[in-house]
Amino acid sequence: MKRILVPLLGDEGDRPALDLAAALARRRGAHVDAMLFSRDATDMIPLVGEGFNAAMIDSIVQAAEAQASERATAARATYASWREAAGVSEDAAGSRPSATFSTVTGHLPYAVALPARAADLVVFSRGKGDSSQERSGLIEIAMLESGRPVLLAASDGGGEVGRRVLVGWNGSAEAARAVAMTMPLLSTADAVTVLVVDDGDVTVTPDDLVRTLTLWGIAASGRTVKVSKEGVASTLEAEAAADGADMVLLGAYSHSRVREFVMGGVTDDALAGSSIAMLLAR
């Protein structure tokens, strides 16, 4: 993976994602696209109801523009301090890690889809700060619309990932695509564990996937465990912690999106928070 997109929003959630991207970039000589996503201030106009005159609407737009300017200043400062601390050059020549900063102004959260499609990996922190809802929207659109894997930093921030990986396997097409899309990461891992969580709805074993990974030269093993009373996501996290894993790989929304919305699901639980980095793909 040579091109890592880190969407920025100009808040405290930016730095953990950049730190995680730097750790990956150093290992692979990759380029980090630090991209600030800013809402078009005129998007606020359709949200204004009846009874607002032109002066009031203009005031709302100006406030949105001022907020966007503050976030841009914060994002640039975060990027500059991160790049200096990480020792990342803006010169993309050679095999050393590099980075650039740019700004995209458009309709959020959908503006993230197109640049994400051109990247190998999209990295986010968990939702933090005043823009946490916007970040959650960007994460979901990146997962559903980009066709690229999305890496969420652990709840305590960035850090080294990809050395010991736990793959949540249920035999779904989404899980299969998640493995295929992330083979560049899995192939450099020290160990990969394929875990099937038996929740009464899964009939596969880890054996076939373990065999495929082994043929790729990956140190892979597998096991099946019973789901805990806390649910599949909590079971995956507990098993990952027991293994000393630094990342969990999941196929996102392997049940229908409607079912996930109504009943909840593993993907939504993973998005809510985890002490371990989560790599989701669909």
C-alpha atoms as a PDB file:
ATOM      1  CA  MET A   1       0.000   0.000   0.000  1.00  0.00           C
ATOM      2  CA  LYS A   2       1.701   3.122  -1.283  1.00  0.00           C
ATOM      3  CA  ARG A   3      -0.926   5.867  -1.001  1.00  0.00           C
ATOM      4  CA  ILE A   4      -2.649   6.499   2.322  1.00  0.00           C
ATOM      5  CA  LEU A   5      -5.466   9.035   2.556  1.00  0.00           C
ATOM      6  CA  VAL A   6      -6.002  10.730   5.921  1.00  0.00           C
ATOM      7  CA  PRO A   7      -9.163  12.893   5.909  1.00  0.00           C
ATOM      8  CA  LEU A   8      -8.770  15.862   8.270  1.00  0.00           C
ATOM      9  CA  LEU A   9     -11.428  18.042   9.903  1.00  0.00           C
ATOM     10  CA  GLY A  10      -9.294  20.492  11.844  1.00  0.00           C
ATOM     11  CA  ASP A  11      -9.970  19.035  15.290  1.00  0.00           C
ATOM     12  CA  GLU A  12      -8.269  16.854  17.895  1.00  0.00           C
ATOM     13  CA  GLY A  13      -9.121  13.712  15.953  1.00  0.00           C
ATOM     14  CA  ASP A  14      -6.659  14.581  13.168  1.00  0.00           C
ATOM     15  CA  ARG A  15      -3.363  13.841  14.926  1.00  0.00           C
ATOM     16  CA  PRO A  16      -4.024  10.189  15.945  1.00  0.00           C
ATOM     17  CA  ALA A  17      -4.929   9.330  12.350  1.00  0.00           C
ATOM     18  CA  LEU A  18      -1.787  11.044  11.031  1.00  0.00           C
ATOM     19  CA  ASP A  19       0.371   9.216  13.597  1.00  0.00           C
ATOM     20  CA  LEU A  20      -1.092   5.873  12.555  1.00  0.00           C
ATOM     21  CA  ALA A  21      -0.578   6.685   8.876  1.00  0.00           C
ATOM     22  CA  ALA A  22       3.049   7.638   9.577  1.00  0.00           C
ATOM     23  CA  ALA A  23       3.705   4.273  11.227  1.00  0.00           C
ATOM     24  CA  LEU A  24       2.375   2.495   8.138  1.00  0.00           C
ATOM     25  CA  ALA A  25       4.170   4.819   5.723  1.00  0.00           C
ATOM     26  CA  ARG A  26       7.546   4.257   7.390  1.00  0.00           C
ATOM     27  CA  ARG A  27       7.220   0.502   7.006  1.00  0.00           C
ATOM     28  CA  ARG A  28       6.181   0.645   3.368  1.00  0.00           C
ATOM     29  CA  GLY A  29       7.768   3.845   2.041  1.00  0.00           C
ATOM     30  CA  ALA A  30       4.280   5.144   1.379  1.00  0.00           C
ATOM     31  CA  HIS A  31       2.853   8.594   0.678  1.00  0.00           C
ATOM     32  CA  VAL A  32       0.344  10.173   3.063  1.00  0.00           C
ATOM     33  CA  ASP A  33      -2.322  12.435   1.557  1.00  0.00           C
ATOM     34  CA  ALA A  34      -3.426  14.654   4.448  1.00  0.00           C
ATOM     35  CA  MET A  35      -6.635  16.102   3.044  1.00  0.00           C
ATOM     36  CA  LEU A  36      -8.769  18.658   4.843  1.00  0.00           C
ATOM     37  CA  PHE A  37     -12.468  18.239   4.076  1.00  0.00           C
ATOM     38  CA  SER A  38     -14.402  21.476   4.443  1.00  0.00           C
ATOM     39  CA  ARG A  39     -18.127  21.955   4.048  1.00  0.00           C
ATOM     40  CA  ASP A  40     -19.234  24.465   1.417  1.00  0.00           C
ATOM     41  CA  ALA A  41     -20.739  27.312   3.468  1.00  0.00           C
ATOM     42  CA  THR A  42     -23.596  27.692   0.980  1.00  0.00           C
ATOM     43  CA  ASP A  43     -24.742  24.187   1.968  1.00  0.00           C
ATOM     44  CA  MET A  44     -26.223  25.856   5.043  1.00  0.00           C
ATOM     45  CA  ILE A  45     -28.749  27.826   2.999  1.00  0.00           C
ATOM     46  CA  PRO A  46     -31.192  24.947   2.325  1.00  0.00           C
ATOM     47  CA  LEU A  47     -31.213  24.219   6.076  1.00  0.00           C
ATOM     48  CA  VAL A  48     -32.527  27.681   6.881  1.00  0.00           C
ATOM     49  CA  GLY A  49     -36.277  27.646   7.457  1.00  0.00           C
ATOM     50  CA  GLU A  50     -38.974  30.177   6.766  1.00  0.00           C
ATOM     51  CA  GLY A  51     -38.787  33.451   8.650  1.00  0.00           C
ATOM     52  CA  PHE A  52     -35.096  34.057   7.934  1.00  0.00           C
ATOM     53  CA  ASN A  53     -34.408  37.206   5.957  1.00  0.00           C
ATOM     54  CA  ALA A  54     -31.434  37.816   3.681  1.00  0.00           C
ATOM     55  CA  ALA A  55     -29.352  39.422   6.442  1.00  0.00           C
ATOM     56  CA  MET A  56     -29.880  36.468   8.768  1.00  0.00           C
ATOM     57  CA  ILE A  57     -28.986  33.989   6.033  1.00  0.00           C
ATOM     58  CA  ASP A  58     -25.867  35.978   5.213  1.00  0.00           C
ATOM     59  CA  SER A  59     -24.897  35.928   8.882  1.00  0.00           C
ATOM     60  CA  ILE A  60     -25.271  32.131   9.016  1.00  0.00           C
ATOM     61  CA  VAL A  61     -23.117  31.681   5.907  1.00  0.00           C
ATOM     62  CA  GLN A  62     -20.461  34.010   7.322  1.00  0.00           C
ATOM     63  CA  ALA A  63     -20.394  32.042  10.577  1.00  0.00           C
ATOM     64  CA  ALA A  64     -19.936  28.810   8.609  1.00  0.00           C
ATOM     65  CA  GLU A  65     -17.106  30.381   6.624  1.00  0.00           C
ATOM     66  CA  ALA A  66     -15.437  31.576   9.824  1.00  0.00           C
ATOM     67  CA  GLN A  67     -15.657  28.091  11.323  1.00  0.00           C
ATOM     68  CA  ALA A  68     -14.186  26.599   8.144  1.00  0.00           C
ATOM     69  CA  SER A  69     -11.304  29.070   8.298  1.00  0.00           C
ATOM     70  CA  GLU A  70     -10.586  28.166  11.932  1.00  0.00           C
ATOM     71  CA  ARG A  71     -10.579  24.479  11.120  1.00  0.00           C
ATOM     72  CA  ALA A  72      -8.264  25.037   8.157  1.00  0.00           C
ATOM     73  CA  THR A  73      -5.797  26.927  10.354  1.00  0.00           C
ATOM     74  CA  ALA A  74      -5.934  24.162  12.980  1.00  0.00           C
ATOM     75  CA  ALA A  75      -5.513  21.401  10.392  1.00  0.00           C
ATOM     76  CA  ARG A  76      -2.496  23.071   8.785  1.00  0.00           C
ATOM     77  CA  ALA A  77      -0.860  23.543  12.188  1.00  0.00           C
ATOM     78  CA  THR A  78      -1.508  19.912  13.137  1.00  0.00           C
ATOM     79  CA  TYR A  79      -0.111  18.700   9.823  1.00  0.00           C
ATOM     80  CA  ALA A  80       3.021  20.842  10.134  1.00  0.00           C
ATOM     81  CA  SER A  81       3.797  19.732  13.689  1.00  0.00           C
ATOM     82  CA  TRP A  82       3.066  16.091  12.819  1.00  0.00           C
ATOM     83  CA  ARG A  83       5.308  16.126   9.755  1.00  0.00           C
ATOM     84  CA  GLU A  84       8.174  17.628  11.727  1.00  0.00           C
ATOM     85  CA  ALA A  85       7.784  15.152  14.596  1.00  0.00           C
ATOM     86  CA  ALA A  86       7.440  12.177  12.247  1.00  0.00           C
ATOM     87  CA  GLY A  87      10.341  13.251  10.053  1.00  0.00           C
ATOM     88  CA  VAL A  88       8.218  12.884   6.927  1.00  0.00           C
ATOM     89  CA  SER A  89       9.340  14.759   3.821  1.00  0.00           C
ATOM     90  CA  GLU A  90       7.094  16.424   1.263  1.00  0.00           C
ATOM     91  CA  ASP A  91       9.389  15.087  -1.455  1.00  0.00           C
ATOM     92  CA  ALA A  92       7.756  11.948  -2.822  1.00  0.00           C
ATOM     93  CA  ALA A  93      10.869  10.802  -4.680  1.00  0.00           C
ATOM     94  CA  GLY A  94      12.525   7.565  -3.656  1.00  0.00           C
ATOM     95  CA  SER A  95      11.333   4.953  -1.169  1.00  0.00           C
ATOM     96  CA  ARG A  96      11.142   7.147   1.939  1.00  0.00           C
ATOM     97  CA  PRO A  97       7.744   8.069   3.420  1.00  0.00           C
ATOM     98  CA  SER A  98       6.323  11.380   2.230  1.00  0.00           C
ATOM     99  CA  ALA A  99       3.251  13.537   2.718  1.00  0.00           C
ATOM    100  CA  THR A 100       1.306  16.429   1.247  1.00  0.00           C
ATOM    101  CA  PHE A 101      -1.485  18.652   2.548  1.00  0.00           C
ATOM    102  CA  SER A 102      -4.483  19.712   0.470  1.00  0.00           C
ATOM    103  CA  THR A 103      -8.025  20.994   0.941  1.00  0.00           C
ATOM    104  CA  VAL A 104     -11.299  19.756  -0.534  1.00  0.00           C
ATOM    105  CA  THR A 105     -14.397  21.948  -0.230  1.00  0.00           C
ATOM    106  CA  GLY A 106     -17.641  20.240  -1.109  1.00  0.00           C
ATOM    107  CA  HIS A 107     -20.749  18.442   0.058  1.00  0.00           C
ATOM    108  CA  LEU A 108     -19.934  16.456   3.183  1.00  0.00           C
ATOM    109  CA  PRO A 109     -19.713  13.598   3.782  1.00  0.00           C
ATOM    110  CA  TYR A 110     -19.936  12.532   0.131  1.00  0.00           C
ATOM    111  CA  ALA A 111     -16.897  14.562  -0.957  1.00  0.00           C
ATOM    112  CA  VAL A 112     -14.628  11.900   0.561  1.00  0.00           C
ATOM    113  CA  ALA A 113     -15.696   9.145  -1.844  1.00  0.00           C
ATOM    114  CA  LEU A 114     -13.796  10.198  -4.972  1.00  0.00           C
ATOM    115  CA  PRO A 115     -10.353  10.851  -3.417  1.00  0.00           C
ATOM    116  CA  ALA A 116     -10.734   7.693  -1.309  1.00  0.00           C
ATOM    117  CA  ARG A 117     -11.196   5.604  -4.454  1.00  0.00           C
ATOM    118  CA  ALA A 118      -7.773   6.680  -5.703  1.00  0.00           C
ATOM    119  CA  ALA A 119      -6.030   5.712  -2.453  1.00  0.00           C
ATOM    120  CA  ASP A 120      -4.868   2.296  -1.281  1.00  0.00           C
ATOM    121  CA  LEU A 121      -6.057   2.839   2.279  1.00  0.00           C
ATOM    122  CA  VAL A 122      -8.080   5.442   4.195  1.00  0.00           C
ATOM    123  CA  VAL A 123      -7.112   6.132   7.826  1.00  0.00           C
ATOM    124  CA  PHE A 124      -9.336   7.739  10.456  1.00  0.00           C
ATOM    125  CA  SER A 125      -9.245   8.235  14.187  1.00  0.00           C
ATOM    126  CA  ARG A 126     -12.358   7.613  16.257  1.00  0.00           C
ATOM    127  CA  GLY A 127     -14.812  10.486  16.386  1.00  0.00           C
ATOM    128  CA  LYS A 128     -13.457  13.266  18.619  1.00  0.00           C
ATOM    129  CA  GLY A 129     -14.073  16.951  19.097  1.00  0.00           C
ATOM    130  CA  ASP A 130     -16.888  19.139  17.839  1.00  0.00           C
ATOM    131  CA  SER A 131     -16.790  17.529  14.391  1.00  0.00           C
ATOM    132  CA  SER A 132     -17.162  13.918  15.574  1.00  0.00           C
ATOM    133  CA  GLN A 133     -20.506  13.550  13.786  1.00  0.00           C
ATOM    134  CA  GLU A 134     -18.961  14.787  10.538  1.00  0.00           C
ATOM    135  CA  ARG A 135     -16.085  12.344  10.953  1.00  0.00           C
ATOM    136  CA  SER A 136     -18.514   9.472  11.484  1.00  0.00           C
ATOM    137  CA  GLY A 137     -20.249  10.437   8.250  1.00  0.00           C
ATOM    138  CA  LEU A 138     -16.950  10.497   6.355  1.00  0.00           C
ATOM    139  CA  ILE A 139     -16.035   7.067   7.746  1.00  0.00           C
ATOM    140  CA  GLU A 140     -19.316   5.531   6.642  1.00  0.00           C
ATOM    141  CA  ILE A 141     -19.184   7.009   3.134  1.00  0.00           C
ATOM    142  CA  ALA A 142     -15.549   5.906   2.766  1.00  0.00           C
ATOM    143  CA  MET A 143     -16.566   2.364   3.709  1.00  0.00           C
ATOM    144  CA  LEU A 144     -19.702   2.166   1.592  1.00  0.00           C
ATOM    145  CA  GLU A 145     -18.729   4.186  -1.482  1.00  0.00           C
ATOM    146  CA  SER A 146     -14.951   4.036  -1.987  1.00  0.00           C
ATOM    147  CA  GLY A 147     -14.262   0.346  -2.552  1.00  0.00           C
ATOM    148  CA  ARG A 148     -11.159   0.781  -0.374  1.00  0.00           C
ATOM    149  CA  PRO A 149     -10.297  -0.501   3.108  1.00  0.00           C
ATOM    150  CA  VAL A 150     -10.757   1.910   6.007  1.00  0.00           C
ATOM    151  CA  LEU A 151      -8.474   1.742   9.043  1.00  0.00           C
ATOM    152  CA  LEU A 152      -9.768   3.135  12.345  1.00  0.00           C
ATOM    153  CA  ALA A 153      -7.193   3.952  14.995  1.00  0.00           C
ATOM    154  CA  ALA A 154      -7.604   2.418  18.432  1.00  0.00           C
ATOM    155  CA  SER A 155      -9.527   4.536  20.925  1.00  0.00           C
ATOM    156  CA  ASP A 156      -6.269   5.572  22.612  1.00  0.00           C
ATOM    157  CA  GLY A 157      -4.835   6.930  19.355  1.00  0.00           C
ATOM    158  CA  GLY A 158      -2.323   5.940  16.713  1.00  0.00           C
ATOM    159  CA  GLY A 159       0.484   3.420  16.942  1.00  0.00           C
ATOM    160  CA  GLU A 160       2.116   0.507  15.208  1.00  0.00           C
ATOM    161  CA  VAL A 161      -0.357  -1.854  13.526  1.00  0.00           C
ATOM    162  CA  GLY A 162      -0.234  -4.818  11.182  1.00  0.00           C
ATOM    163  CA  ARG A 163       2.343  -6.956  12.981  1.00  0.00           C
ATOM    164  CA  ARG A 164      -0.172  -9.308  14.572  1.00  0.00           C
ATOM    165  CA  VAL A 165      -3.570  -9.328  12.865  1.00  0.00           C
ATOM    166  CA  LEU A 166      -6.825 -11.016  13.824  1.00  0.00           C
ATOM    167  CA  VAL A 167      -9.206 -11.640  10.906  1.00  0.00           C
ATOM    168  CA  GLY A 168     -12.885 -11.849  11.798  1.00  0.00           C
ATOM    169  CA  TRP A 169     -14.128 -14.515   9.385  1.00  0.00           C
ATOM    170  CA  ASN A 170     -17.741 -15.481   8.702  1.00  0.00           C
ATOM    171  CA  GLY A 171     -17.410 -16.651   5.102  1.00  0.00           C
ATOM    172  CA  SER A 172     -19.320 -13.669   3.704  1.00  0.00           C
ATOM    173  CA  ALA A 173     -18.483 -11.951   0.425  1.00  0.00           C
ATOM    174  CA  GLU A 174     -17.639  -8.794   2.395  1.00  0.00           C
ATOM    175  CA  ALA A 175     -15.158 -10.680   4.579  1.00  0.00           C
ATOM    176  CA  ALA A 176     -13.592 -12.265   1.479  1.00  0.00           C
ATOM    177  CA  ARG A 177     -13.174  -8.872  -0.196  1.00  0.00           C
ATOM    178  CA  ALA A 178     -11.722  -7.448   3.002  1.00  0.00           C
ATOM    179  CA  VAL A 179      -9.016 -10.120   2.994  1.00  0.00           C
ATOM    180  CA  ALA A 180      -8.306  -9.686  -0.729  1.00  0.00           C
ATOM    181  CA  MET A 181      -8.036  -5.887  -0.470  1.00  0.00           C
ATOM    182  CA  THR A 182      -5.651  -6.034   2.467  1.00  0.00           C
ATOM    183  CA  MET A 183      -3.279  -8.768   1.306  1.00  0.00           C
ATOM    184  CA  PRO A 184      -0.393  -6.236   1.050  1.00  0.00           C
ATOM    185  CA  LEU A 185      -0.754  -5.682   4.803  1.00  0.00           C
ATOM    186  CA  LEU A 186      -1.420  -9.307   5.726  1.00  0.00           C
ATOM    187  CA  SER A 187       1.580 -10.518   3.716  1.00  0.00           C
ATOM    188  CA  THR A 188       3.965  -8.488   5.891  1.00  0.00           C
ATOM    189  CA  ALA A 189       2.409  -9.452   9.240  1.00  0.00           C
ATOM    190  CA  ASP A 190       4.369 -11.532  11.736  1.00  0.00           C
ATOM    191  CA  ALA A 191       1.246 -13.578  12.514  1.00  0.00           C
ATOM    192  CA  VAL A 192      -2.364 -13.730  11.351  1.00  0.00           C
ATOM    193  CA  THR A 193      -5.161 -15.432  13.270  1.00  0.00           C
ATOM    194  CA  VAL A 194      -8.389 -16.316  11.466  1.00  0.00           C
ATOM    195  CA  LEU A 195     -11.177 -16.239  14.040  1.00  0.00           C
ATOM    196  CA  VAL A 196     -14.709 -17.535  13.530  1.00  0.00           C
ATOM    197  CA  VAL A 197     -17.146 -16.347  16.178  1.00  0.00           C
ATOM    198  CA  ASP A 198     -19.960 -18.868  16.543  1.00  0.00           C
ATOM    199  CA  ASP A 199     -23.088 -16.811  17.110  1.00  0.00           C
ATOM    200  CA  GLY A 200     -25.477 -19.507  15.913  1.00  0.00           C
ATOM    201  CA  ASP A 201     -25.609 -18.010  12.414  1.00  0.00           C
ATOM    202  CA  VAL A 202     -22.168 -18.977  11.079  1.00  0.00           C
ATOM    203  CA  THR A 203     -21.457 -22.402   9.586  1.00  0.00           C
ATOM    204  CA  VAL A 204     -17.924 -21.927   8.227  1.00  0.00           C
ATOM    205  CA  THR A 205     -14.604 -22.934   9.739  1.00  0.00           C
ATOM    206  CA  PRO A 206     -11.337 -20.968   9.522  1.00  0.00           C
ATOM    207  CA  ASP A 207      -9.502 -23.798   7.784  1.00  0.00           C
ATOM    208  CA  ASP A 208      -9.954 -22.836   4.114  1.00  0.00           C
ATOM    209  CA  LEU A 209      -8.830 -19.244   4.644  1.00  0.00           C
ATOM    210  CA  VAL A 210      -5.884 -20.357   6.786  1.00  0.00           C
ATOM    211  CA  ARG A 211      -4.792 -22.616   3.923  1.00  0.00           C
ATOM    212  CA  THR A 212      -4.985 -19.765   1.406  1.00  0.00           C
ATOM    213  CA  LEU A 213      -2.980 -17.434   3.634  1.00  0.00           C
ATOM    214  CA  THR A 214      -0.411 -20.149   4.279  1.00  0.00           C
ATOM    215  CA  LEU A 215       0.060 -20.646   0.547  1.00  0.00           C
ATOM    216  CA  TRP A 216       0.866 -16.934   0.377  1.00  0.00           C
ATOM    217  CA  GLY A 217       3.658 -17.547   2.859  1.00  0.00           C
ATOM    218  CA  ILE A 218       1.761 -15.936   5.751  1.00  0.00           C
ATOM    219  CA  ALA A 219       2.145 -17.377   9.254  1.00  0.00           C
ATOM    220  CA  ALA A 220      -1.563 -18.065   9.744  1.00  0.00           C
ATOM    221  CA  SER A 221      -3.575 -20.076  12.227  1.00  0.00           C
ATOM    222  CA  GLY A 222      -7.274 -20.312  13.000  1.00  0.00           C
ATOM    223  CA  ARG A 223      -9.815 -21.166  15.651  1.00  0.00           C
ATOM    224  CA  THR A 224     -13.544 -20.984  16.397  1.00  0.00           C
ATOM    225  CA  VAL A 225     -14.927 -19.511  19.621  1.00  0.00           C
ATOM    226  CA  LYS A 226     -18.397 -19.104  21.079  1.00  0.00           C
ATOM    227  CA  VAL A 227     -19.799 -15.602  21.079  1.00  0.00           C
ATOM    228  CA  SER A 228     -19.791 -13.923  24.486  1.00  0.00           C
ATOM    229  CA  LYS A 229     -22.900 -12.376  26.003  1.00  0.00           C
ATOM    230  CA  GLU A 230     -21.512  -8.937  25.041  1.00  0.00           C
ATOM    231  CA  GLY A 231     -21.762  -9.778  21.335  1.00  0.00           C
ATOM    232  CA  VAL A 232     -19.543 -10.526  18.350  1.00  0.00           C
ATOM    233  CA  ALA A 233     -17.581  -7.253  18.334  1.00  0.00           C
ATOM    234  CA  SER A 234     -16.690  -7.590  22.021  1.00  0.00           C
ATOM    235  CA  THR A 235     -15.707 -11.223  21.466  1.00  0.00           C
ATOM    236  CA  LEU A 236     -13.407 -10.238  18.611  1.00  0.00           C
ATOM    237  CA  GLU A 237     -11.813  -7.504  20.705  1.00  0.00           C
ATOM    238  CA  ALA A 238     -11.283  -9.815  23.695  1.00  0.00           C
ATOM    239  CA  GLU A 239      -9.752 -12.541  21.514  1.00  0.00           C
ATOM    240  CA  ALA A 240      -7.521  -9.997  19.781  1.00  0.00           C
ATOM    241  CA  ALA A 241      -6.295  -8.743  23.150  1.00  0.00           C
ATOM    242  CA  ALA A 242      -5.612 -12.309  24.281  1.00  0.00           C
ATOM    243  CA  ASP A 243      -3.562 -12.896  21.118  1.00  0.00           C
ATOM    244  CA  GLY A 244      -1.633  -9.645  21.490  1.00  0.00           C
ATOM    245  CA  ALA A 245      -3.061  -8.514  18.143  1.00  0.00           C
ATOM    246  CA  ASP A 246      -2.632  -4.879  17.147  1.00  0.00           C
ATOM    247  CA  MET A 247      -5.341  -4.892  14.461  1.00  0.00           C
ATOM    248  CA  VAL A 248      -8.662  -6.592  13.706  1.00  0.00           C
ATOM    249  CA  LEU A 249      -9.777  -7.042  10.087  1.00  0.00           C
ATOM    250  CA  LEU A 250     -13.505  -7.143   9.369  1.00  0.00           C
ATOM    251  CA  GLY A 251     -15.777  -7.282   6.362  1.00  0.00           C
ATOM    252  CA  ALA A 252     -18.067  -4.291   6.890  1.00  0.00           C
ATOM    253  CA  TYR A 253     -21.856  -4.657   6.854  1.00  0.00           C
ATOM    254  CA  SER A 254     -21.942  -8.325   5.944  1.00  0.00           C
ATOM    255  CA  HIS A 255     -25.623  -8.262   6.909  1.00  0.00           C
ATOM    256  CA  SER A 256     -28.009  -5.944   5.099  1.00  0.00           C
ATOM    257  CA  ARG A 257     -27.640  -2.253   5.938  1.00  0.00           C
ATOM    258  CA  VAL A 258     -31.292  -2.159   7.025  1.00  0.00           C
ATOM    259  CA  ARG A 259     -30.775  -5.065   9.408  1.00  0.00           C
ATOM    260  CA  GLU A 260     -27.655  -3.397  10.835  1.00  0.00           C
ATOM    261  CA  PHE A 261     -29.603  -0.166  11.370  1.00  0.00           C
ATOM    262  CA  VAL A 262     -32.593  -1.805  13.043  1.00  0.00           C
ATOM    263  CA  MET A 263     -30.866  -4.491  15.100  1.00  0.00           C
ATOM    264  CA  GLY A 264     -27.345  -3.151  15.446  1.00  0.00           C
ATOM    265  CA  GLY A 265     -24.365  -5.105  14.230  1.00  0.00           C
ATOM    266  CA  VAL A 266     -20.679  -5.843  14.403  1.00  0.00           C
ATOM    267  CA  THR A 267     -19.734  -2.968  12.084  1.00  0.00           C
ATOM    268  CA  ASP A 268     -21.586  -0.347  14.103  1.00  0.00           C
ATOM    269  CA  ASP A 269     -20.101  -1.718  17.318  1.00  0.00           C
ATOM    270  CA  ALA A 270     -16.615  -1.503  15.795  1.00  0.00           C
ATOM    271  CA  LEU A 271     -17.247   2.098  14.743  1.00  0.00           C
ATOM    272  CA  ALA A 272     -18.379   3.058  18.227  1.00  0.00           C
ATOM    273  CA  GLY A 273     -15.006   2.375  19.789  1.00  0.00           C
ATOM    274  CA  SER A 274     -12.315  -0.226  20.309  1.00  0.00           C
ATOM    275  CA  SER A 275      -9.070  -0.520  22.200  1.00  0.00           C
ATOM    276  CA  ILE A 276      -7.575  -2.136  19.080  1.00  0.00           C
ATOM    277  CA  ALA A 277      -7.274  -0.668  15.580  1.00  0.00           C
ATOM    278  CA  MET A 278      -9.997  -1.907  13.227  1.00  0.00           C
ATOM    279  CA  LEU A 279      -9.533  -2.389   9.493  1.00  0.00           C
ATOM    280  CA  LEU A 280     -12.893  -2.541   7.715  1.00  0.00           C
ATOM    281  CA  ALA A 281     -13.549  -3.238   4.055  1.00  0.00           C
ATOM    282  CA  ARG A 282     -16.558  -3.884   1.897  1.00  0.00           C
END
